[in-house]
Amino acid sequence: MMTSKNQYLYSGIYTAILAATFGASLLLSACGGSSSSGNKNQNTNGSQQQSDGLFAVRGDWAIMNGEITSKIVEQLNTLVKNNPQVKTIVMANVPGSSDDEMNLKAGLRLRELGLNTYLPPGGEIASGGVDLFLAGKERFAAQDVLVGVHSWAGDGVSDASTLPRDHAFHKPYLDYYKALGINEDFYWYTIEAANAENIHWMTASERVQYGIVTRAASNKELNMIASTASSEAAINGMFSQYTWVTSSNNKPIHIFAVDQVSPLQMAKARAVMTHYLTNVEGLQSKNAMSAKLGDNQASLFMFATPEDSEAAFEGSLGQTTLAQHGQDLYASEVFVEGSNGYLNRSTIDARDATYEEVLHLVQGHGLAPAERTLQERIVTIANQALADKSWNPSQEDVNEWQAETDQNGYTSLNYEYLAAAVEGFYGIWGYSDAGLDGYLGTNRTVQQQKDPAGLALIQDIWPSHITTMMPISADFAAGATFSLQYDAGLEYSSQSQYLSHVRLTGSNDSHILGNGQNNILQGNSGDNRIDGAAGDQDVAMFAGLKSEYQIYQQDGAWHVVDSVADRDGHDVLSNIEVLAFSDQAVDVNDL
């Protein structure tokens, strides 16, 4: 049966949280969707863009968004025929079925195929969506999900719970659960939990009691990282991890990584790319450059070391289709927020190059070919910055860059300049007197003095603060507070002051201090203090249903205590206006 989402899931807050965390990766159906049937456009990573909006294939995953209809068996068969690499159905939003008979047949077929089912962060399944999920050979889920059950109605029956237990109408469901190895108690529980017009969201303890999942999701899965599953052997044999950013025309912009790259490093790279491609009212539209990246099958290749990258591009990787629109990035130059490299950047012999290298990909394979007028403006400003000495690379570097011409007919000089200016804008060099390649604008005040044209350019394209959610390393110390405010005593804060949304990972009892933005802040499984500071609508996120938490006020702060062990712990909140649970958002003034 079909059920609608509750009011919270329709809210702008929920959409903002998903977008901040995963970009459009889980919101495919909201912008046109793609599916496993109908006309397809196969690309070299085994990703398909198709017509009717149910499945979108990404690596060895098929992302599922939408209602289950009478076509579900056909859609499932077409999916596996066209995408033999698919191992897991990722059920991002499956609110129910309009044809229970066909849904049960699809579930048996899914089990026969040996496919897994995954309910990802922020995911929702309800009614017939739960039935299909239970067909997974392996079933796993994030903690911040919704699993909704209720009774069914139809064929002259107003509510299945009114029928005697030996009535024939129960048999198809009982037979289905038996075939899947699900205890029939679950069926009786579902039809008594809520009538056909309502929905009951299962608590974490109920999901355990009835065996909804068979194992915990891994860190990779929780960060939306699949296996590569590329049709190009050189890529499939070299990279074991895959994630993506969804372009404005619903195509994947690829991110491949070797084993030595951590899930949080991949998540950071994805977040930076998503930020560069996020539309903000009043600024340059990103739609054309994003679509061009999708059309070009643009790819970020994450290696362990520069030597590994050089060998790969000079070898088999360099002969692949995807490498023609590719950019490399090394694990040694991706500093996750809260990690030692991020916190103590002046004391280590390395730097965080995530913003630079991701921008090279976005500019070279999206912005430059799609926005020629804007690109010419960048070229002019880069030349002026070089002449004005606001940017001071070595002459050897300048000669090398001017000798390199890309597919768009531009030399590397302007790409290197834009990266230096953007790094200055977002405070990456704020602790130093000079930035990337001798760029003098290490903060916005100095940029205004030394490179006003470059500052104006960036402000026309990107917003003042990072729009996406950044994960904080699990190594961030217990008792320490990660600050989103500038503090001269914290050199990392020259960069962190421009973040908007962060989430703690791991289990340390560490804390967060927000800034003047409307922050979205999330603790970890430890006991955290979360201060939203000066924003008008700061949101604290929690993984479970509101009913699973004890909420009270003490000494001017809100205490939110999770009843589920090893999930959200005991958080103390200050200057937080909204509590976002998996089933609803609550204004603290209404508590």
Protein backbone atom coordinates (compact mmCIF):
# COMPACT_ATOMS: atom_id res chain seq x y z
CA MET A 1 0.00 0.00 0.00
CA MET A 2 1.04 3.61 -0.59
CA THR A 3 1.61 6.05 2.25
CA SER A 4 2.65 9.67 2.13
CA LYS A 5 5.56 11.20 3.95
CA ASN A 6 4.85 13.03 7.15
CA GLN A 7 4.98 16.80 7.35
CA TYR A 8 8.60 16.93 8.48
CA LEU A 9 9.91 15.11 5.43
CA TYR A 10 8.30 17.72 3.23
CA SER A 11 9.99 20.53 5.14
CA GLY A 12 12.80 22.67 3.81
CA ILE A 13 14.90 21.73 6.82
CA TYR A 14 15.02 18.05 5.88
CA THR A 15 15.88 18.82 2.27
CA ALA A 16 18.57 21.26 3.40
CA ILE A 17 20.13 18.63 5.66
CA LEU A 18 20.31 16.01 2.91
CA ALA A 19 21.63 18.54 0.40
CA ALA A 20 24.25 19.83 2.84
CA THR A 21 25.46 16.31 3.61
CA PHE A 22 25.28 14.48 0.29
CA GLY A 23 24.52 17.11 -2.32
CA ALA A 24 22.09 15.71 -4.87
CA SER A 25 23.34 12.14 -4.49
CA LEU A 26 20.18 11.02 -2.69
CA LEU A 27 17.78 13.53 -4.22
CA LEU A 28 17.78 12.26 -7.79
CA SER A 29 14.03 11.99 -8.21
CA ALA A 30 13.54 15.55 -7.04
CA CYS A 31 15.18 16.91 -10.18
CA GLY A 32 14.07 14.61 -12.95
CA GLY A 33 15.38 11.25 -11.85
CA SER A 34 16.74 8.38 -13.82
CA SER A 35 15.81 4.76 -13.90
CA SER A 36 16.63 1.31 -15.04
CA SER A 37 14.05 1.03 -17.81
CA GLY A 38 13.19 2.97 -20.91
CA ASN A 39 15.80 4.62 -23.09
CA LYS A 40 19.20 4.48 -21.47
CA ASN A 41 22.53 6.28 -21.91
CA GLN A 42 25.28 3.91 -20.78
CA ASN A 43 28.58 5.48 -19.69
CA THR A 44 31.91 3.94 -18.92
CA ASN A 45 31.38 3.75 -15.18
CA GLY A 46 28.31 1.54 -15.47
CA SER A 47 26.11 4.53 -14.59
CA GLN A 48 22.86 4.96 -16.45
CA GLN A 49 20.57 7.91 -17.03
CA GLN A 50 17.09 6.66 -17.85
CA SER A 51 13.56 7.81 -18.18
CA ASP A 52 10.97 6.84 -15.58
CA GLY A 53 12.57 7.93 -12.34
CA LEU A 54 12.82 4.80 -10.16
CA PHE A 55 16.46 3.62 -10.36
CA ALA A 56 19.72 5.47 -10.98
CA VAL A 57 22.78 3.25 -11.24
CA ARG A 58 25.95 4.44 -9.53
CA GLY A 59 28.83 1.97 -9.50
CA ASP A 60 27.49 -1.32 -8.11
CA TRP A 61 24.54 0.45 -6.46
CA ALA A 62 21.10 1.27 -7.85
CA ILE A 63 19.62 4.29 -6.09
CA MET A 64 15.84 3.89 -5.77
CA ASN A 65 13.49 6.84 -5.41
CA GLY A 66 9.73 6.69 -5.79
CA GLU A 67 6.54 4.69 -5.49
CA ILE A 68 6.46 1.01 -6.40
CA THR A 69 3.96 0.38 -9.20
CA SER A 70 2.69 -2.54 -11.23
CA LYS A 71 5.82 -2.21 -13.43
CA ILE A 72 8.23 -3.09 -10.61
CA VAL A 73 9.07 -6.64 -11.75
CA GLU A 74 9.78 -5.44 -15.27
CA GLN A 75 11.85 -2.54 -13.93
CA LEU A 76 13.87 -4.84 -11.70
CA ASN A 77 14.56 -7.32 -14.49
CA THR A 78 15.62 -4.52 -16.84
CA LEU A 79 17.88 -3.09 -14.17
CA VAL A 80 19.89 -6.28 -13.68
CA LYS A 81 19.94 -7.10 -17.40
CA ASN A 82 21.44 -3.72 -18.30
CA ASN A 83 23.61 -3.46 -15.19
CA PRO A 84 24.99 -6.87 -14.22
CA GLN A 85 27.44 -5.20 -11.82
CA VAL A 86 24.65 -4.01 -9.49
CA LYS A 87 24.78 -5.71 -6.09
CA THR A 88 22.77 -3.39 -3.87
CA ILE A 89 19.46 -1.54 -4.11
CA VAL A 90 19.84 1.72 -2.16
CA MET A 91 16.32 2.66 -1.10
CA ALA A 92 16.63 6.40 -0.59
CA ASN A 93 12.90 7.15 -0.63
CA VAL A 94 10.38 4.41 -1.26
CA PRO A 95 7.11 5.50 0.42
CA GLY A 96 5.00 2.51 -0.61
CA SER A 97 3.43 0.49 -3.41
CA SER A 98 0.29 0.90 -5.46
CA ASP A 99 0.26 -2.80 -6.43
CA ASP A 100 1.00 -5.15 -3.54
CA GLU A 101 0.73 -8.30 -5.65
CA MET A 102 3.44 -7.19 -8.06
CA ASN A 103 5.53 -5.82 -5.21
CA LEU A 104 5.61 -9.21 -3.50
CA LYS A 105 6.61 -10.85 -6.78
CA ALA A 106 9.38 -8.29 -7.16
CA GLY A 107 10.60 -9.04 -3.64
CA LEU A 108 10.89 -12.75 -4.39
CA ARG A 109 12.70 -11.93 -7.63
CA LEU A 110 15.08 -9.58 -5.78
CA ARG A 111 15.91 -12.36 -3.31
CA GLU A 112 16.38 -14.83 -6.17
CA LEU A 113 18.88 -12.43 -7.76
CA GLY A 114 20.85 -12.27 -4.50
CA LEU A 115 20.71 -8.47 -4.32
CA ASN A 116 21.27 -6.56 -1.08
CA THR A 117 19.15 -3.68 0.17
CA TYR A 118 20.47 -0.56 1.89
CA LEU A 119 18.58 2.23 3.66
CA PRO A 120 21.04 5.16 3.52
CA PRO A 121 21.38 8.22 5.77
CA GLY A 122 18.11 10.15 5.73
CA GLY A 123 16.40 7.30 3.86
CA GLU A 124 12.74 6.39 4.17
CA ILE A 125 10.82 3.23 3.40
CA ALA A 126 7.18 2.70 4.26
CA SER A 127 4.45 0.13 3.72
CA GLY A 128 5.27 -1.81 0.53
CA GLY A 129 8.71 -0.22 0.53
CA VAL A 130 9.44 -2.13 3.76
CA ASP A 131 8.26 -5.38 2.16
CA LEU A 132 10.67 -4.89 -0.73
CA PHE A 133 13.54 -3.94 1.58
CA LEU A 134 13.09 -7.20 3.52
CA ALA A 135 13.85 -9.15 0.34
CA GLY A 136 17.52 -8.14 0.44
CA LYS A 137 20.00 -10.99 0.80
CA GLU A 138 21.88 -8.64 3.14
CA ARG A 139 19.95 -5.75 4.64
CA PHE A 140 21.73 -2.81 6.23
CA ALA A 141 20.82 0.72 7.21
CA ALA A 142 22.08 3.98 8.63
CA GLN A 143 20.78 5.07 12.02
CA ASP A 144 18.97 8.21 10.86
CA VAL A 145 16.28 6.49 8.79
CA LEU A 146 12.53 6.00 8.79
CA VAL A 147 10.86 2.60 8.51
CA GLY A 148 7.10 2.96 8.37
CA VAL A 149 4.45 0.25 8.74
CA HIS A 150 0.67 0.12 8.82
CA SER A 151 -2.28 -2.08 7.97
CA TRP A 152 -3.53 -2.51 4.45
CA ALA A 153 -6.92 -1.89 2.87
CA GLY A 154 -8.55 -2.95 -0.40
CA ASP A 155 -10.74 -5.58 -2.03
CA GLY A 156 -13.62 -4.44 0.13
CA VAL A 157 -11.55 -4.59 3.32
CA SER A 158 -11.33 -1.30 5.21
CA ASP A 159 -8.50 -2.48 7.44
CA ALA A 160 -6.67 -5.84 7.49
CA SER A 161 -6.53 -5.86 11.29
CA THR A 162 -10.32 -6.39 11.37
CA LEU A 163 -10.04 -9.73 9.56
CA PRO A 164 -9.69 -12.96 11.55
CA ARG A 165 -6.17 -14.36 11.50
CA ASP A 166 -7.20 -17.39 9.44
CA HIS A 167 -8.70 -15.25 6.67
CA ALA A 168 -7.38 -16.07 3.18
CA PHE A 169 -6.46 -12.45 2.49
CA HIS A 170 -3.57 -12.71 4.96
CA LYS A 171 -2.01 -15.69 3.20
CA PRO A 172 -0.07 -13.92 0.38
CA TYR A 173 1.74 -11.77 2.93
CA LEU A 174 2.40 -14.65 5.32
CA ASP A 175 3.72 -16.80 2.48
CA TYR A 176 5.97 -13.94 1.35
CA TYR A 177 7.51 -13.43 4.78
CA LYS A 178 7.98 -17.17 5.21
CA ALA A 179 9.83 -17.37 1.88
CA LEU A 180 12.15 -14.59 3.04
CA GLY A 181 12.74 -16.11 6.46
CA ILE A 182 10.87 -13.32 8.27
CA ASN A 183 8.85 -14.38 11.32
CA GLU A 184 5.11 -14.07 10.75
CA ASP A 185 4.89 -12.06 13.99
CA PHE A 186 6.16 -9.12 11.96
CA TYR A 187 3.12 -9.25 9.71
CA TRP A 188 0.70 -9.22 12.63
CA TYR A 189 2.68 -6.39 14.20
CA THR A 190 2.46 -4.25 11.04
CA ILE A 191 -1.31 -4.47 10.62
CA GLU A 192 -1.87 -3.66 14.29
CA ALA A 193 0.73 -0.86 14.58
CA ALA A 194 -1.38 1.66 12.64
CA ASN A 195 -4.54 1.58 10.58
CA ALA A 196 -4.45 1.87 6.80
CA GLU A 197 -4.85 5.65 6.88
CA ASN A 198 -1.93 6.26 9.24
CA ILE A 199 1.68 5.22 9.66
CA HIS A 200 3.82 3.97 12.52
CA TRP A 201 7.54 4.76 12.35
CA MET A 202 9.42 1.89 13.89
CA THR A 203 11.75 2.64 16.80
CA ALA A 204 15.32 1.39 16.78
CA SER A 205 14.39 -1.33 19.28
CA GLU A 206 11.48 -2.47 17.13
CA ARG A 207 13.71 -2.68 14.07
CA VAL A 208 16.06 -4.92 16.07
CA GLN A 209 13.21 -7.01 17.47
CA TYR A 210 11.81 -7.84 14.05
CA GLY A 211 15.14 -8.28 12.24
CA ILE A 212 14.72 -5.45 9.77
CA VAL A 213 18.47 -5.40 9.10
CA THR A 214 20.92 -8.29 9.00
CA ARG A 215 24.10 -6.27 9.64
CA ALA A 216 25.36 -2.80 10.44
CA ALA A 217 26.32 -0.46 7.61
CA SER A 218 30.05 0.11 7.19
CA ASN A 219 31.75 3.52 7.34
CA LYS A 220 32.09 3.45 3.58
CA GLU A 221 28.40 2.75 3.10
CA LEU A 222 27.42 5.42 5.62
CA ASN A 223 29.46 7.91 3.58
CA MET A 224 27.77 6.78 0.33
CA ILE A 225 30.83 5.02 -1.05
CA ALA A 226 30.27 2.08 -3.37
CA SER A 227 32.66 -0.20 -5.24
CA THR A 228 34.00 1.05 -8.56
CA ALA A 229 32.30 -1.37 -10.95
CA SER A 230 33.60 0.46 -14.02
CA SER A 231 33.40 -1.13 -17.43
CA GLU A 232 36.99 0.05 -18.04
CA ALA A 233 39.33 -2.64 -16.72
CA ALA A 234 42.14 -0.18 -15.96
CA ILE A 235 39.88 1.76 -13.60
CA ASN A 236 38.16 -1.23 -12.07
CA GLY A 237 41.50 -2.83 -11.28
CA MET A 238 43.06 0.31 -9.85
CA PHE A 239 40.30 1.83 -7.69
CA SER A 240 38.22 0.06 -5.06
CA GLN A 241 36.04 2.96 -3.90
CA TYR A 242 33.52 5.09 -5.77
CA THR A 243 31.23 8.00 -4.97
CA TRP A 244 29.79 10.80 -7.05
CA VAL A 245 28.21 14.22 -7.27
CA THR A 246 25.04 14.44 -9.33
CA SER A 247 25.20 17.09 -12.04
CA SER A 248 22.39 19.51 -12.91
CA ASN A 249 21.38 17.18 -15.76
CA ASN A 250 21.32 14.13 -13.48
CA LYS A 251 24.59 12.59 -14.56
CA PRO A 252 27.33 11.43 -12.19
CA ILE A 253 30.53 13.40 -11.75
CA HIS A 254 32.81 10.57 -10.68
CA ILE A 255 35.11 10.27 -7.67
CA PHE A 256 37.33 7.18 -7.65
CA ALA A 257 39.73 6.28 -4.84
CA VAL A 258 42.28 3.66 -3.90
CA ASP A 259 42.11 1.76 -0.59
CA GLN A 260 44.50 4.14 1.18
CA VAL A 261 42.03 7.04 0.88
CA SER A 262 39.72 7.16 3.90
CA PRO A 263 35.92 7.45 3.63
CA LEU A 264 36.02 10.89 5.27
CA GLN A 265 38.63 12.09 2.77
CA MET A 266 36.29 11.03 -0.03
CA ALA A 267 33.38 12.70 1.77
CA LYS A 268 35.37 15.93 2.02
CA ALA A 269 36.28 15.90 -1.67
CA ARG A 270 32.62 15.32 -2.55
CA ALA A 271 31.51 18.12 -0.22
CA VAL A 272 33.95 20.60 -1.76
CA MET A 273 32.84 19.68 -5.28
CA THR A 274 29.19 19.96 -4.31
CA HIS A 275 29.85 23.40 -2.82
CA TYR A 276 31.44 24.63 -6.03
CA LEU A 277 28.37 23.46 -7.99
CA THR A 278 25.62 24.62 -5.62
CA ASN A 279 23.35 27.38 -6.90
CA VAL A 280 22.96 30.34 -4.55
CA GLU A 281 20.43 33.07 -5.24
CA GLY A 282 22.01 36.17 -6.73
CA LEU A 283 25.24 34.47 -7.78
CA GLN A 284 26.49 32.86 -10.99
CA SER A 285 24.33 29.90 -12.00
CA LYS A 286 26.22 26.62 -11.81
CA ASN A 287 23.79 24.71 -14.04
CA ALA A 288 25.72 24.97 -17.30
CA MET A 289 29.12 24.10 -15.82
CA SER A 290 27.61 21.27 -13.78
CA ALA A 291 25.88 19.82 -16.83
CA LYS A 292 29.09 20.04 -18.84
CA LEU A 293 30.93 18.10 -16.12
CA GLY A 294 28.24 15.43 -16.33
CA ASP A 295 28.36 15.33 -20.12
CA ASN A 296 32.16 15.05 -20.02
CA GLN A 297 32.03 12.23 -17.46
CA ALA A 298 34.45 14.33 -15.42
CA SER A 299 36.37 12.23 -12.88
CA LEU A 300 38.39 12.91 -9.75
CA PHE A 301 41.00 10.20 -9.17
CA MET A 302 42.21 9.95 -5.57
CA PHE A 303 45.59 8.24 -5.10
CA ALA A 304 47.76 7.52 -2.08
CA THR A 305 50.82 9.42 -3.38
CA PRO A 306 51.94 11.63 -6.30
CA GLU A 307 54.16 8.79 -7.51
CA ASP A 308 51.18 6.44 -7.77
CA SER A 309 49.24 9.02 -9.74
CA GLU A 310 52.08 9.70 -12.16
CA ALA A 311 52.58 6.01 -12.83
CA ALA A 312 48.86 5.47 -13.41
CA PHE A 313 48.40 8.35 -15.85
CA GLU A 314 51.54 7.35 -17.75
CA GLY A 315 50.26 3.79 -17.84
CA SER A 316 46.87 2.18 -18.37
CA LEU A 317 44.76 4.87 -16.68
CA GLY A 318 45.95 7.47 -19.14
CA GLN A 319 44.49 5.42 -22.00
CA THR A 320 40.97 5.34 -20.56
CA THR A 321 38.05 7.47 -21.68
CA LEU A 322 37.44 8.89 -18.22
CA ALA A 323 41.04 10.07 -17.84
CA GLN A 324 40.52 12.52 -20.72
CA HIS A 325 38.45 14.64 -18.36
CA GLY A 326 40.20 13.66 -15.15
CA GLN A 327 42.03 15.30 -12.25
CA ASP A 328 44.13 13.68 -9.55
CA LEU A 329 44.18 14.31 -5.78
CA TYR A 330 46.37 12.58 -3.18
CA ALA A 331 45.41 11.24 0.24
CA SER A 332 48.46 13.04 1.63
CA GLU A 333 46.92 16.40 0.67
CA VAL A 334 43.34 15.97 1.92
CA PHE A 335 43.03 17.23 5.49
CA VAL A 336 39.71 16.27 7.06
CA GLU A 337 38.41 18.92 9.45
CA GLY A 338 39.65 18.24 12.98
CA SER A 339 42.56 16.05 11.85
CA ASN A 340 46.13 16.84 12.90
CA GLY A 341 47.00 18.31 9.50
CA TYR A 342 43.94 20.54 9.54
CA LEU A 343 44.52 21.77 13.09
CA ASN A 344 48.30 22.26 12.91
CA ARG A 345 48.95 23.22 9.31
CA SER A 346 51.93 25.50 9.99
CA THR A 347 53.90 22.74 11.71
CA ILE A 348 53.71 20.02 9.05
CA ASP A 349 55.44 19.67 5.69
CA ALA A 350 52.24 19.34 3.64
CA ARG A 351 49.14 21.30 2.75
CA ASP A 352 45.46 20.69 2.10
CA ALA A 353 45.04 20.81 -1.69
CA THR A 354 41.42 19.61 -1.81
CA TYR A 355 39.98 22.99 -2.78
CA GLU A 356 42.66 23.52 -5.45
CA GLU A 357 42.50 20.17 -7.21
CA VAL A 358 38.71 19.86 -7.13
CA LEU A 359 38.46 23.38 -8.53
CA HIS A 360 40.85 22.44 -11.36
CA LEU A 361 38.39 19.69 -12.33
CA VAL A 362 35.34 21.96 -12.05
CA GLN A 363 36.92 24.81 -13.98
CA GLY A 364 38.76 22.84 -16.65
CA HIS A 365 35.97 20.42 -17.54
CA GLY A 366 32.88 22.43 -16.60
CA LEU A 367 33.26 26.18 -16.19
CA ALA A 368 35.76 26.89 -18.99
CA PRO A 369 33.91 25.06 -21.80
CA ALA A 370 30.41 26.03 -20.60
CA GLU A 371 30.89 29.66 -19.48
CA ARG A 372 33.29 31.22 -21.97
CA THR A 373 32.60 34.82 -20.94
CA LEU A 374 33.28 34.03 -17.31
CA GLN A 375 36.40 32.07 -18.26
CA GLU A 376 37.78 35.00 -20.27
CA ARG A 377 37.22 37.22 -17.24
CA ILE A 378 39.27 34.80 -15.14
CA VAL A 379 42.09 34.87 -17.71
CA THR A 380 42.17 38.68 -17.69
CA ILE A 381 42.22 38.92 -13.89
CA ALA A 382 44.91 36.23 -13.61
CA ASN A 383 47.18 38.13 -15.99
CA GLN A 384 46.57 41.34 -14.07
CA ALA A 385 47.32 39.69 -10.70
CA LEU A 386 50.60 38.42 -12.12
CA ALA A 387 51.50 41.87 -13.44
CA ASP A 388 50.48 43.62 -10.19
CA LYS A 389 52.52 41.19 -8.09
CA SER A 390 49.52 40.26 -5.96
CA TRP A 391 50.29 36.72 -7.12
CA ASN A 392 53.94 35.71 -7.21
CA PRO A 393 54.66 32.24 -8.58
CA SER A 394 58.20 31.43 -9.64
CA GLN A 395 59.16 32.27 -13.21
CA GLU A 396 59.85 28.60 -13.80
CA ASP A 397 56.26 27.77 -12.84
CA VAL A 398 54.89 30.59 -14.99
CA ASN A 399 56.84 29.34 -18.00
CA GLU A 400 55.63 25.80 -17.44
CA TRP A 401 52.00 26.85 -17.05
CA GLN A 402 52.05 29.11 -20.09
CA ALA A 403 53.39 26.22 -22.15
CA GLU A 404 50.49 23.95 -21.14
CA THR A 405 47.33 24.35 -23.22
CA ASP A 406 44.18 22.42 -22.35
CA GLN A 407 41.27 21.09 -24.43
CA ASN A 408 39.57 24.48 -24.14
CA GLY A 409 42.53 26.38 -25.61
CA TYR A 410 43.55 27.97 -22.31
CA THR A 411 46.92 27.76 -20.60
CA SER A 412 47.28 26.44 -17.06
CA LEU A 413 48.15 29.90 -15.73
CA ASN A 414 44.58 31.03 -15.12
CA TYR A 415 43.64 27.76 -13.44
CA GLU A 416 46.50 28.06 -10.97
CA TYR A 417 45.60 31.69 -10.25
CA LEU A 418 41.92 30.97 -9.57
CA ALA A 419 42.83 28.19 -7.15
CA ALA A 420 45.18 30.51 -5.26
CA ALA A 421 42.54 33.23 -5.03
CA VAL A 422 39.79 30.84 -3.91
CA GLU A 423 42.06 29.33 -1.25
CA GLY A 424 42.67 32.85 0.03
CA PHE A 425 38.95 33.63 -0.01
CA TYR A 426 38.11 30.60 2.12
CA GLY A 427 40.89 31.24 4.63
CA ILE A 428 43.09 28.24 3.89
CA TRP A 429 46.23 30.40 4.16
CA GLY A 430 44.93 32.80 6.80
CA TYR A 431 47.62 31.77 9.26
CA SER A 432 50.39 32.82 6.83
CA ASP A 433 51.69 35.98 5.15
CA ALA A 434 51.55 34.40 1.70
CA GLY A 435 49.30 31.83 0.12
CA LEU A 436 49.47 29.39 -2.76
CA ASP A 437 52.29 30.26 -5.17
CA GLY A 438 52.95 33.54 -3.40
CA TYR A 439 49.39 34.85 -3.50
CA LEU A 440 49.19 37.81 -1.13
CA GLY A 441 45.45 37.73 -0.43
CA THR A 442 45.55 35.31 2.48
CA ASN A 443 42.35 36.80 3.90
CA ARG A 444 39.53 38.86 2.46
CA THR A 445 40.73 42.16 3.87
CA VAL A 446 44.09 41.76 2.14
CA GLN A 447 42.38 40.49 -1.01
CA GLN A 448 40.38 43.69 -1.16
CA GLN A 449 43.61 45.68 -0.95
CA LYS A 450 45.87 43.60 -3.19
CA ASP A 451 43.52 41.80 -5.59
CA PRO A 452 40.11 43.52 -5.61
CA ALA A 453 39.23 42.22 -9.08
CA GLY A 454 39.90 38.65 -7.97
CA LEU A 455 37.83 39.10 -4.83
CA ALA A 456 34.92 40.55 -6.82
CA LEU A 457 35.16 37.64 -9.28
CA ILE A 458 34.90 35.03 -6.54
CA GLN A 459 32.06 36.88 -4.82
CA ASP A 460 30.11 36.83 -8.10
CA ILE A 461 30.47 33.05 -8.35
CA TRP A 462 30.55 31.55 -4.85
CA PRO A 463 29.00 32.43 -1.49
CA SER A 464 30.87 33.69 1.55
CA HIS A 465 30.58 30.37 3.41
CA ILE A 466 30.82 26.71 2.44
CA THR A 467 27.32 25.40 1.71
CA THR A 468 27.91 21.72 2.36
CA MET A 469 28.36 19.74 5.57
CA MET A 470 31.92 18.85 6.51
CA PRO A 471 32.72 15.77 8.59
CA ILE A 472 35.02 16.28 11.58
CA SER A 473 37.66 13.61 12.08
CA ALA A 474 37.03 10.93 14.69
CA ASP A 475 40.52 11.80 15.99
CA PHE A 476 39.37 15.23 17.13
CA ALA A 477 40.16 15.17 20.84
CA ALA A 478 37.72 14.50 23.64
CA GLY A 479 37.03 17.69 25.57
CA ALA A 480 38.06 19.91 22.63
CA THR A 481 35.66 22.28 20.86
CA PHE A 482 35.71 22.58 17.07
CA SER A 483 35.11 26.26 16.39
CA LEU A 484 33.39 27.84 13.41
CA GLN A 485 34.47 31.26 14.65
CA TYR A 486 37.76 33.02 14.05
CA ASP A 487 40.11 32.81 17.03
CA ALA A 488 43.67 34.09 16.68
CA GLY A 489 44.78 31.33 19.02
CA LEU A 490 43.43 28.62 16.69
CA GLU A 491 45.22 28.78 13.34
CA TYR A 492 42.72 26.41 11.72
CA SER A 493 39.89 28.86 12.46
CA SER A 494 41.03 31.14 9.64
CA GLN A 495 39.45 28.43 7.46
CA SER A 496 36.77 26.94 9.74
CA GLN A 497 35.15 30.37 10.21
CA TYR A 498 33.78 29.97 6.68
CA LEU A 499 32.05 26.63 7.34
CA SER A 500 28.29 26.48 7.82
CA HIS A 501 27.52 22.86 8.67
CA VAL A 502 29.62 20.21 10.44
CA ARG A 503 29.16 16.77 11.95
CA LEU A 504 31.30 15.07 14.55
CA THR A 505 32.30 11.48 13.82
CA GLY A 506 33.55 8.73 16.09
CA SER A 507 32.75 8.58 19.81
CA ASN A 508 34.91 11.18 21.55
CA ASP A 509 33.14 13.58 23.91
CA SER A 510 34.07 16.59 21.78
CA HIS A 511 32.09 19.74 21.09
CA ILE A 512 31.05 22.28 18.42
CA LEU A 513 30.83 26.08 18.46
CA GLY A 514 28.86 27.55 15.56
CA ASN A 515 29.05 31.01 13.99
CA GLY A 516 26.70 33.67 12.61
CA GLN A 517 25.37 31.42 9.84
CA ASN A 518 22.27 29.27 10.17
CA ASN A 519 24.30 26.20 11.08
CA ILE A 520 23.32 22.55 10.82
CA LEU A 521 25.32 20.79 13.55
CA GLN A 522 25.46 17.10 14.44
CA GLY A 523 27.14 15.36 17.33
CA ASN A 524 28.52 11.84 17.40
CA SER A 525 27.88 8.85 19.67
CA GLY A 526 29.64 10.57 22.55
CA ASP A 527 28.32 13.27 24.88
CA ASN A 528 28.65 16.59 23.08
CA ARG A 529 28.10 20.27 23.80
CA ILE A 530 26.71 22.03 20.74
CA ASP A 531 26.48 25.84 20.67
CA GLY A 532 24.83 27.38 17.62
CA ALA A 533 26.07 30.86 18.52
CA ALA A 534 24.57 33.79 16.60
CA GLY A 535 22.51 32.19 13.79
CA ASP A 536 18.75 32.81 13.58
CA GLN A 537 17.82 29.19 12.88
CA ASP A 538 20.56 26.85 14.00
CA VAL A 539 19.66 23.17 13.73
CA ALA A 540 20.93 20.30 15.88
CA MET A 541 20.54 16.93 14.16
CA PHE A 542 19.66 13.62 15.79
CA ALA A 543 19.43 10.16 14.23
CA GLY A 544 16.32 8.77 15.88
CA LEU A 545 12.63 9.42 16.39
CA LYS A 546 11.75 12.24 18.79
CA SER A 547 10.03 9.73 21.06
CA GLU A 548 13.37 7.96 21.62
CA TYR A 549 14.90 10.96 23.41
CA GLN A 550 14.49 12.59 26.80
CA ILE A 551 14.46 16.37 26.33
CA TYR A 552 14.67 18.83 29.20
CA GLN A 553 16.01 22.26 30.04
CA GLN A 554 18.54 22.90 32.77
CA ASP A 555 20.59 26.00 33.57
CA GLY A 556 19.49 27.69 30.35
CA ALA A 557 20.57 24.82 28.09
CA TRP A 558 18.60 22.07 26.41
CA HIS A 559 19.61 18.51 27.21
CA VAL A 560 18.79 15.82 24.64
CA VAL A 561 19.44 12.29 25.91
CA ASP A 562 19.26 9.34 23.53
CA SER A 563 17.62 6.17 24.87
CA VAL A 564 19.48 4.08 22.25
CA ALA A 565 23.04 3.18 23.21
CA ASP A 566 25.98 4.22 21.02
CA ARG A 567 23.95 6.54 18.82
CA ASP A 568 23.62 10.21 19.91
CA GLY A 569 24.62 10.11 23.57
CA HIS A 570 23.76 13.01 25.89
CA ASP A 571 24.01 16.36 24.11
CA VAL A 572 23.80 19.78 25.76
CA LEU A 573 22.56 22.52 23.45
CA SER A 574 22.91 26.30 23.55
CA ASN A 575 21.69 28.83 21.00
CA ILE A 576 19.92 26.13 19.02
CA GLU A 577 16.54 27.00 17.55
CA VAL A 578 15.51 23.69 15.92
CA LEU A 579 15.92 20.03 16.87
CA ALA A 580 15.81 17.80 13.78
CA PHE A 581 14.88 14.19 14.49
CA SER A 582 14.36 11.53 11.85
CA ASP A 583 10.57 11.90 11.99
CA GLN A 584 10.08 15.59 12.73
CA ALA A 585 11.68 18.97 13.31
CA VAL A 586 10.83 20.76 16.55
CA ASP A 587 11.18 24.46 17.32
CA VAL A 588 12.59 24.70 20.83
CA ASN A 589 9.98 27.36 21.62
CA ASP A 590 7.34 24.65 21.19
CA LEU A 591 8.92 22.21 23.66
